[in-house]
Protein backbone atom coordinates (compact mmCIF):
# COMPACT_ATOMS: atom_id res chain seq x y z
CA MET A 1 -80.44 -18.44 11.55
CA ASN A 2 -79.37 -19.41 8.28
CA ALA A 3 -75.78 -20.50 7.27
CA SER A 4 -75.12 -16.60 5.61
CA PHE A 5 -75.89 -15.11 8.93
CA PHE A 6 -72.95 -17.55 10.54
CA TYR A 7 -71.16 -16.30 7.70
CA ILE A 8 -71.08 -12.67 8.31
CA ALA A 9 -70.77 -13.20 11.90
CA PHE A 10 -67.39 -14.71 11.57
CA THR A 11 -66.11 -12.16 9.41
CA LEU A 12 -67.28 -9.45 11.66
CA VAL A 13 -65.60 -11.19 14.19
CA VAL A 14 -62.35 -11.58 12.22
CA LEU A 15 -62.51 -7.97 10.85
CA VAL A 16 -62.80 -6.69 14.37
CA ILE A 17 -59.82 -8.90 16.07
CA VAL A 18 -57.63 -7.93 12.80
CA ALA A 19 -58.65 -4.06 13.94
CA LEU A 20 -57.43 -4.68 17.25
CA ILE A 21 -54.18 -6.24 16.39
CA VAL A 22 -53.03 -3.38 14.02
CA PHE A 23 -54.50 -0.81 16.73
CA PHE A 24 -52.59 -2.15 20.02
CA ALA A 25 -49.75 -3.62 18.17
CA GLY A 26 -49.20 -1.05 15.71
CA GLY A 27 -46.97 0.98 17.81
CA LYS A 28 -46.54 4.54 17.69
CA ARG A 29 -45.15 5.04 14.24
CA GLU A 30 -47.21 7.55 12.56
CA ALA A 31 -46.86 5.22 9.17
CA ASN A 32 -49.14 2.33 10.55
CA ARG A 33 -51.65 4.62 11.96
CA LEU A 34 -55.20 4.63 10.38
CA THR A 35 -56.43 7.65 8.70
CA PRO A 36 -59.81 9.01 8.84
CA LEU A 37 -60.56 8.16 5.19
CA ALA A 38 -59.06 4.51 6.05
CA GLY A 39 -61.69 4.40 9.17
CA LEU A 40 -64.71 5.31 6.66
CA ALA A 41 -63.88 2.91 4.63
CA PHE A 42 -63.39 0.13 6.91
CA GLY A 43 -66.85 0.98 8.59
CA PHE A 44 -68.43 0.96 4.81
CA VAL A 45 -66.93 -2.25 4.25
CA LEU A 46 -69.00 -3.33 8.17
CA ALA A 47 -72.12 -1.78 6.65
CA GLY A 48 -71.71 -3.77 3.67
CA LEU A 49 -71.47 -6.96 5.89
CA PHE A 50 -74.24 -5.71 7.82
CA PHE A 51 -76.77 -5.29 5.33
CA GLY A 52 -75.55 -8.28 3.21
CA GLU A 53 -79.20 -9.58 3.12
CA ASN A 54 -79.96 -6.85 0.59
CA ARG A 55 -77.67 -7.37 -2.07
CA LEU A 56 -77.78 -3.53 -3.67
CA ILE A 57 -77.20 -1.93 -0.48
CA GLY A 58 -74.25 -4.44 0.65
CA TYR A 59 -72.90 -4.58 -2.68
CA GLY A 60 -73.11 -1.14 -2.95
CA LEU A 61 -71.71 -0.02 0.98
CA PHE A 62 -68.78 -2.61 -0.14
CA ALA A 63 -68.28 -0.78 -3.79
CA ILE A 64 -68.10 2.86 -1.42
CA GLY A 65 -65.55 1.14 1.35
CA VAL A 66 -63.28 -0.20 -1.77
CA PHE A 67 -63.63 3.07 -3.32
CA LEU A 68 -62.31 5.25 -0.42
CA ALA A 69 -59.58 2.51 0.66
CA VAL A 70 -57.93 2.68 -2.50
CA ILE A 71 -58.43 6.48 -2.52
CA ASP A 72 -56.79 6.76 1.02
CA LEU A 73 -53.64 4.61 -0.82
CA ILE A 74 -53.02 6.96 -3.64
CA ASN A 75 -52.69 9.98 -1.06
CA ARG A 76 -50.92 8.01 1.57
CA SER A 77 -48.47 7.00 -1.53
CA ARG A 78 -48.13 10.57 -2.69
CA VAL A 79 -47.38 12.00 0.60
CA ARG A 80 -44.34 9.90 1.00
């Protein structure tokens, strides 16, 4: 196993911990809920980490995830 595997594994563990904190400590407020589009963006970022050995696919998935997250931010800002 090389060093990049450990970096990817560490990043995945940190992202899962952050997601669990957001889900369980977020309370019942509607404004803090994860929208389906944000969940999809999160999934694409995780897939980008998982397929990081192939740079074209990994970076492409990252880009899709970031693009969807920005779209979600714009949609949420218009609602308020």
